[in-house]
PDB file of N, CA and C in Angstrom:
ATOM      1  N   UNK A   1     140.014  91.240 141.766  1.00  0.00           N
ATOM      2  CA  UNK A   1     140.979  90.679 141.402  1.00  0.00           C
ATOM      3  C   UNK A   1     142.020  90.615 141.760  1.00  0.00           C
ATOM      4  N   UNK A   2     143.176  89.658 142.241  1.00  0.00           N
ATOM      5  CA  UNK A   2     144.453  89.708 142.315  1.00  0.00           C
ATOM      6  C   UNK A   2     145.278  88.673 141.757  1.00  0.00           C
ATOM      7  N   UNK A   3     145.500  89.816 140.870  1.00  0.00           N
ATOM      8  CA  UNK A   3     146.956  89.168 140.081  1.00  0.00           C
ATOM      9  C   UNK A   3     148.823  88.455 140.556  1.00  0.00           C
ATOM     10  N   UNK A   4     148.749  87.177 141.015  1.00  0.00           N
ATOM     11  CA  UNK A   4     149.908  87.437 141.977  1.00  0.00           C
ATOM     12  C   UNK A   4     150.887  86.757 140.964  1.00  0.00           C
ATOM     13  N   UNK A   5     152.410  87.118 141.616  1.00  0.00           N
ATOM     14  CA  UNK A   5     153.525  86.241 140.654  1.00  0.00           C
ATOM     15  C   UNK A   5     154.592  86.642 141.265  1.00  0.00           C
ATOM     16  N   UNK A   6     155.706  85.762 140.576  1.00  0.00           N
ATOM     17  CA  UNK A   6     156.949  85.759 141.498  1.00  0.00           C
ATOM     18  C   UNK A   6     157.664  86.957 141.293  1.00  0.00           C
ATOM     19  N   UNK A   7     157.815  87.756 139.869  1.00  0.00           N
ATOM     20  CA  UNK A   7     158.699  88.526 139.972  1.00  0.00           C
ATOM     21  C   UNK A   7     158.413  90.152 139.398  1.00  0.00           C
ATOM     22  N   UNK A   8     158.596  91.531 139.777  1.00  0.00           N
ATOM     23  CA  UNK A   8     157.887  91.814 139.225  1.00  0.00           C
ATOM     24  C   UNK A   8     157.808  92.340 137.857  1.00  0.00           C
ATOM     25  N   UNK A   9     158.709  91.624 136.699  1.00  0.00           N
ATOM     26  CA  UNK A   9     158.203  91.761 135.501  1.00  0.00           C
ATOM     27  C   UNK A   9     157.194  90.799 134.425  1.00  0.00           C
ATOM     28  N   UNK A  10     156.617  89.862 135.805  1.00  0.00           N
ATOM     29  CA  UNK A  10     155.826  88.873 135.396  1.00  0.00           C
ATOM     30  C   UNK A  10     154.364  89.548 135.092  1.00  0.00           C
ATOM     31  N   UNK A  11     153.500  90.741 135.521  1.00  0.00           N
ATOM     32  CA  UNK A  11     152.630  90.690 135.655  1.00  0.00           C
ATOM     33  C   UNK A  11     152.096  90.676 133.757  1.00  0.00           C
ATOM     34  N   UNK A  12     150.998  90.883 133.542  1.00  0.00           N
ATOM     35  CA  UNK A  12     150.235  91.389 132.622  1.00  0.00           C
ATOM     36  C   UNK A  12     149.518  92.198 132.409  1.00  0.00           C
ATOM     37  N   UNK A  13     150.519  93.336 132.006  1.00  0.00           N
ATOM     38  CA  UNK A  13     149.471  94.657 132.332  1.00  0.00           C
ATOM     39  C   UNK A  13     148.807  95.390 131.303  1.00  0.00           C
ATOM     40  N   UNK A  14     148.143  94.375 130.112  1.00  0.00           N
ATOM     41  CA  UNK A  14     146.920  94.106 129.275  1.00  0.00           C
ATOM     42  C   UNK A  14     146.276  93.614 130.381  1.00  0.00           C
ATOM     43  N   UNK A  15     145.927  92.691 130.725  1.00  0.00           N
ATOM     44  CA  UNK A  15     145.016  92.160 131.082  1.00  0.00           C
ATOM     45  C   UNK A  15     144.747  92.770 132.692  1.00  0.00           C
ATOM     46  N   UNK A  16     145.657  93.649 133.611  1.00  0.00           N
ATOM     47  CA  UNK A  16     145.597  94.147 134.813  1.00  0.00           C
ATOM     48  C   UNK A  16     144.442  95.964 134.289  1.00  0.00           C
ATOM     49  N   UNK A  17     145.160  96.180 133.457  1.00  0.00           N
ATOM     50  CA  UNK A  17     144.480  98.023 132.681  1.00  0.00           C
ATOM     51  C   UNK A  17     142.931  96.910 132.228  1.00  0.00           C
ATOM     52  N   UNK A  18     142.647  96.017 131.362  1.00  0.00           N
ATOM     53  CA  UNK A  18     141.596  95.775 131.068  1.00  0.00           C
ATOM     54  C   UNK A  18     140.510  95.434 132.326  1.00  0.00           C
ATOM     55  N   UNK A  19     140.689  94.900 133.370  1.00  0.00           N
ATOM     56  CA  UNK A  19     140.076  94.600 134.225  1.00  0.00           C
ATOM     57  C   UNK A  19     139.818  95.827 135.339  1.00  0.00           C
ATOM     58  N   UNK A  20     140.756  96.809 135.627  1.00  0.00           N
ATOM     59  CA  UNK A  20     140.710  97.671 136.478  1.00  0.00           C
ATOM     60  C   UNK A  20     139.526  99.500 135.553  1.00  0.00           C
ATOM     61  N   UNK A  21     139.847  98.937 134.376  1.00  0.00           N
ATOM     62  CA  UNK A  21     139.449 100.101 133.499  1.00  0.00           C
ATOM     63  C   UNK A  21     137.950  99.997 132.760  1.00  0.00           C
ATOM     64  N   UNK A  22     137.855  98.269 132.138  1.00  0.00           N
ATOM     65  CA  UNK A  22     137.152  98.311 131.298  1.00  0.00           C
ATOM     66  C   UNK A  22     135.646  97.429 132.070  1.00  0.00           C
ATOM     67  N   UNK A  23     136.331  96.384 133.027  1.00  0.00           N
ATOM     68  CA  UNK A  23     135.495  96.134 134.017  1.00  0.00           C
ATOM     69  C   UNK A  23     134.956  96.990 135.219  1.00  0.00           C
ATOM     70  N   UNK A  24     135.788  97.626 135.364  1.00  0.00           N
ATOM     71  CA  UNK A  24     135.731  98.108 136.951  1.00  0.00           C
ATOM     72  C   UNK A  24     135.704  97.609 137.884  1.00  0.00           C
ATOM     73  N   UNK A  25     137.136  96.650 137.955  1.00  0.00           N
ATOM     74  CA  UNK A  25     137.051  96.025 139.230  1.00  0.00           C
ATOM     75  C   UNK A  25     138.524  96.433 139.704  1.00  0.00           C
ATOM     76  N   UNK A  26     138.102  96.161 141.579  1.00  0.00           N
ATOM     77  CA  UNK A  26     139.216  96.772 142.086  1.00  0.00           C
ATOM     78  C   UNK A  26     140.187  95.520 141.685  1.00  0.00           C
ATOM     79  N   UNK A  27     141.599  96.186 141.095  1.00  0.00           N
ATOM     80  CA  UNK A  27     142.369  95.449 140.773  1.00  0.00           C
ATOM     81  C   UNK A  27     143.875  95.053 141.046  1.00  0.00           C
ATOM     82  N   UNK A  28     144.447  94.592 141.878  1.00  0.00           N
ATOM     83  CA  UNK A  28     145.780  94.685 142.162  1.00  0.00           C
ATOM     84  C   UNK A  28     146.743  93.990 141.451  1.00  0.00           C
ATOM     85  N   UNK A  29     147.885  93.648 141.940  1.00  0.00           N
ATOM     86  CA  UNK A  29     149.008  92.794 141.512  1.00  0.00           C
ATOM     87  C   UNK A  29     150.157  92.954 142.289  1.00  0.00           C
ATOM     88  N   UNK A  30     150.319  91.043 143.223  1.00  0.00           N
ATOM     89  CA  UNK A  30     151.043  91.074 144.261  1.00  0.00           C
ATOM     90  C   UNK A  30     152.089  90.341 143.474  1.00  0.00           C
ATOM     91  N   UNK A  31     153.458  90.931 143.790  1.00  0.00           N
ATOM     92  CA  UNK A  31     154.380  90.506 143.579  1.00  0.00           C
ATOM     93  C   UNK A  31     155.277  89.889 144.803  1.00  0.00           C
ATOM     94  N   UNK A  32     155.808  88.909 144.749  1.00  0.00           N
ATOM     95  CA  UNK A  32     156.576  87.877 146.084  1.00  0.00           C
ATOM     96  C   UNK A  32     157.947  88.632 145.869  1.00  0.00           C
ATOM     97  N   UNK A  33     158.337  89.380 144.754  1.00  0.00           N
ATOM     98  CA  UNK A  33     159.434  89.578 145.023  1.00  0.00           C
ATOM     99  C   UNK A  33     159.836  91.325 144.637  1.00  0.00           C
ATOM    100  N   UNK A  34     161.012  91.967 144.575  1.00  0.00           N
ATOM    101  CA  UNK A  34     160.737  93.338 144.474  1.00  0.00           C
ATOM    102  C   UNK A  34     162.354  93.451 143.300  1.00  0.00           C
ATOM    103  N   UNK A  35     162.519  91.921 142.656  1.00  0.00           N
ATOM    104  CA  UNK A  35     163.258  92.178 141.480  1.00  0.00           C
ATOM    105  C   UNK A  35     165.132  92.272 141.596  1.00  0.00           C
ATOM    106  N   UNK A  36     165.077  92.085 143.311  1.00  0.00           N
ATOM    107  CA  UNK A  36     166.481  92.707 143.441  1.00  0.00           C
ATOM    108  C   UNK A  36     167.375  91.063 143.535  1.00  0.00           C
ATOM    109  N   UNK A  37     166.990  90.099 143.088  1.00  0.00           N
ATOM    110  CA  UNK A  37     167.843  89.125 142.416  1.00  0.00           C
ATOM    111  C   UNK A  37     167.662  88.352 141.107  1.00  0.00           C
ATOM    112  N   UNK A  38     167.695  89.764 140.404  1.00  0.00           N
ATOM    113  CA  UNK A  38     167.585  89.356 138.669  1.00  0.00           C
ATOM    114  C   UNK A  38     168.841  90.165 138.408  1.00  0.00           C
ATOM    115  N   UNK A  39     168.635  89.907 137.175  1.00  0.00           N
ATOM    116  CA  UNK A  39     169.648  90.021 136.152  1.00  0.00           C
ATOM    117  C   UNK A  39     169.319  91.569 135.923  1.00  0.00           C
ATOM    118  N   UNK A  40     170.454  92.655 135.211  1.00  0.00           N
ATOM    119  CA  UNK A  40     170.242  93.921 134.908  1.00  0.00           C
ATOM    120  C   UNK A  40     170.992  94.151 133.664  1.00  0.00           C
ATOM    121  N   UNK A  41     170.567  93.780 132.437  1.00  0.00           N
ATOM    122  CA  UNK A  41     171.243  93.981 131.579  1.00  0.00           C
ATOM    123  C   UNK A  41     171.484  95.081 130.829  1.00  0.00           C
ATOM    124  N   UNK A  42     170.868  96.835 131.847  1.00  0.00           N
ATOM    125  CA  UNK A  42     171.267  98.138 130.964  1.00  0.00           C
ATOM    126  C   UNK A  42     171.746  98.995 131.806  1.00  0.00           C
ATOM    127  N   UNK A  43     172.354  98.437 133.004  1.00  0.00           N
ATOM    128  CA  UNK A  43     172.718  99.138 133.885  1.00  0.00           C
ATOM    129  C   UNK A  43     173.689  98.572 134.825  1.00  0.00           C
ATOM    130  N   UNK A  44     174.064  98.573 136.145  1.00  0.00           N
ATOM    131  CA  UNK A  44     175.099  98.036 136.636  1.00  0.00           C
ATOM    132  C   UNK A  44     174.660  97.832 138.073  1.00  0.00           C
ATOM    133  N   UNK A  45     173.441  98.546 138.240  1.00  0.00           N
ATOM    134  CA  UNK A  45     172.534  98.035 139.867  1.00  0.00           C
ATOM    135  C   UNK A  45     172.756  96.639 139.632  1.00  0.00           C
ATOM    136  N   UNK A  46     172.470  96.297 140.629  1.00  0.00           N
ATOM    137  CA  UNK A  46     172.389  94.989 141.369  1.00  0.00           C
ATOM    138  C   UNK A  46     172.126  94.748 142.861  1.00  0.00           C
ATOM    139  N   UNK A  47     171.159  93.692 143.159  1.00  0.00           N
ATOM    140  CA  UNK A  47     170.850  93.451 144.344  1.00  0.00           C
ATOM    141  C   UNK A  47     169.962  94.771 145.118  1.00  0.00           C
ATOM    142  N   UNK A  48     169.636  95.369 146.089  1.00  0.00           N
ATOM    143  CA  UNK A  48     169.269  96.481 146.887  1.00  0.00           C
ATOM    144  C   UNK A  48     168.946  97.050 145.761  1.00  0.00           C
ATOM    145  N   UNK A  49     169.552  98.235 145.170  1.00  0.00           N
ATOM    146  CA  UNK A  49     169.862  99.189 144.224  1.00  0.00           C
ATOM    147  C   UNK A  49     168.734  98.572 142.439  1.00  0.00           C
ATOM    148  N   UNK A  50     168.945  97.641 142.404  1.00  0.00           N
ATOM    149  CA  UNK A  50     168.398  96.764 141.440  1.00  0.00           C
ATOM    150  C   UNK A  50     166.242  96.954 141.521  1.00  0.00           C
ATOM    151  N   UNK A  51     166.609  96.095 143.277  1.00  0.00           N
ATOM    152  CA  UNK A  51     165.185  95.862 143.513  1.00  0.00           C
ATOM    153  C   UNK A  51     164.407  97.433 143.601  1.00  0.00           C
ATOM    154  N   UNK A  52     165.437  98.671 144.370  1.00  0.00           N
ATOM    155  CA  UNK A  52     164.831  99.750 143.886  1.00  0.00           C
ATOM    156  C   UNK A  52     164.142 100.365 142.660  1.00  0.00           C
ATOM    157  N   UNK A  53     164.839 100.365 141.979  1.00  0.00           N
ATOM    158  CA  UNK A  53     164.462 100.362 140.269  1.00  0.00           C
ATOM    159  C   UNK A  53     162.877  99.645 140.013  1.00  0.00           C
ATOM    160  N   UNK A  54     162.911  98.476 139.967  1.00  0.00           N
ATOM    161  CA  UNK A  54     162.329  97.635 139.687  1.00  0.00           C
ATOM    162  C   UNK A  54     161.092  97.721 140.561  1.00  0.00           C
ATOM    163  N   UNK A  55     161.051  98.283 141.730  1.00  0.00           N
ATOM    164  CA  UNK A  55     159.629  99.002 142.541  1.00  0.00           C
ATOM    165  C   UNK A  55     159.193 100.166 141.874  1.00  0.00           C
ATOM    166  N   UNK A  56     159.944 101.050 141.415  1.00  0.00           N
ATOM    167  CA  UNK A  56     159.799 102.304 141.133  1.00  0.00           C
ATOM    168  C   UNK A  56     158.930 101.736 139.566  1.00  0.00           C
ATOM    169  N   UNK A  57     160.203 100.824 138.545  1.00  0.00           N
ATOM    170  CA  UNK A  57     158.872 100.612 137.639  1.00  0.00           C
ATOM    171  C   UNK A  57     157.523 100.122 137.668  1.00  0.00           C
ATOM    172  N   UNK A  58     157.059  99.137 138.787  1.00  0.00           N
ATOM    173  CA  UNK A  58     155.953  98.692 138.955  1.00  0.00           C
ATOM    174  C   UNK A  58     154.917  99.798 139.471  1.00  0.00           C
ATOM    175  N   UNK A  59     155.550 100.142 140.098  1.00  0.00           N
ATOM    176  CA  UNK A  59     154.716 101.949 140.842  1.00  0.00           C
ATOM    177  C   UNK A  59     154.155 102.624 139.307  1.00  0.00           C
ATOM    178  N   UNK A  60     154.978 102.761 138.278  1.00  0.00           N
ATOM    179  CA  UNK A  60     154.409 103.497 137.451  1.00  0.00           C
ATOM    180  C   UNK A  60     153.926 102.853 136.382  1.00  0.00           C
ATOM    181  N   UNK A  61     154.195 101.298 136.259  1.00  0.00           N
ATOM    182  CA  UNK A  61     153.073 100.801 135.741  1.00  0.00           C
ATOM    183  C   UNK A  61     151.304 100.458 136.159  1.00  0.00           C
ATOM    184  N   UNK A  62     151.623 100.582 137.486  1.00  0.00           N
ATOM    185  CA  UNK A  62     150.406 100.821 138.167  1.00  0.00           C
ATOM    186  C   UNK A  62     149.900 102.201 137.842  1.00  0.00           C
ATOM    187  N   UNK A  63     150.161 103.348 137.859  1.00  0.00           N
ATOM    188  CA  UNK A  63     149.818 104.614 137.742  1.00  0.00           C
ATOM    189  C   UNK A  63     149.555 104.580 136.402  1.00  0.00           C
ATOM    190  N   UNK A  64     149.871 104.005 135.320  1.00  0.00           N
ATOM    191  CA  UNK A  64     149.507 103.739 133.497  1.00  0.00           C
ATOM    192  C   UNK A  64     148.188 102.726 133.323  1.00  0.00           C
ATOM    193  N   UNK A  65     148.357 101.296 134.000  1.00  0.00           N
ATOM    194  CA  UNK A  65     147.165 100.494 134.051  1.00  0.00           C
ATOM    195  C   UNK A  65     145.891 100.775 135.159  1.00  0.00           C
ATOM    196  N   UNK A  66     146.009 101.141 135.984  1.00  0.00           N
ATOM    197  CA  UNK A  66     145.527 101.199 136.774  1.00  0.00           C
ATOM    198  C   UNK A  66     144.503 100.347 138.461  1.00  0.00           C
ATOM    199  N   UNK A  67     145.864  99.434 138.141  1.00  0.00           N
ATOM    200  CA  UNK A  67     145.393  98.547 139.695  1.00  0.00           C
ATOM    201  C   UNK A  67     146.600  99.096 140.692  1.00  0.00           C
ATOM    202  N   UNK A  68     145.837  98.621 141.680  1.00  0.00           N
ATOM    203  CA  UNK A  68     146.982  99.093 142.646  1.00  0.00           C
ATOM    204  C   UNK A  68     148.314  97.817 142.892  1.00  0.00           C
ATOM    205  N   UNK A  69     149.177  98.239 143.788  1.00  0.00           N
ATOM    206  CA  UNK A  69     149.959  97.417 143.076  1.00  0.00           C
ATOM    207  C   UNK A  69     150.742  97.033 145.051  1.00  0.00           C
ATOM    208  N   UNK A  70     151.194  95.616 145.387  1.00  0.00           N
ATOM    209  CA  UNK A  70     151.577  95.113 146.202  1.00  0.00           C
ATOM    210  C   UNK A  70     152.547  94.437 146.132  1.00  0.00           C
ATOM    211  N   UNK A  71     152.936  94.188 147.802  1.00  0.00           N
ATOM    212  CA  UNK A  71     154.421  93.319 147.788  1.00  0.00           C
ATOM    213  C   UNK A  71     154.453  92.131 148.621  1.00  0.00           C
ATOM    214  N   UNK A  72     155.015  91.553 148.517  1.00  0.00           N
ATOM    215  CA  UNK A  72     155.213  90.464 149.518  1.00  0.00           C
ATOM    216  C   UNK A  72     155.861  90.608 150.843  1.00  0.00           C
ATOM    217  N   UNK A  73     155.845  90.826 151.774  1.00  0.00           N
ATOM    218  CA  UNK A  73     156.608  91.190 153.302  1.00  0.00           C
ATOM    219  C   UNK A  73     158.057  90.013 153.608  1.00  0.00           C
ATOM    220  N   UNK A  74     158.770  89.792 153.643  1.00  0.00           N
ATOM    221  CA  UNK A  74     159.998  88.661 154.026  1.00  0.00           C
ATOM    222  C   UNK A  74     160.232  89.186 155.232  1.00  0.00           C
TER     223      UNK A  74
END
């Protein structure tokens, strides 16, 4: 199952975890952006540095929920 969304924080981690761990489906999340164009309310990072932080957050979330992480190449 491939879950596709525009931004790094648009995924449904509970659904991804359910499909990957309970249903045993090969499950992935495709984020169309890395979040470098978003807002940052807790730090000063913007642009590419923010995208790097969000990328690491996505990879950590996939280690937790068991799904694979994919990124759109632009």
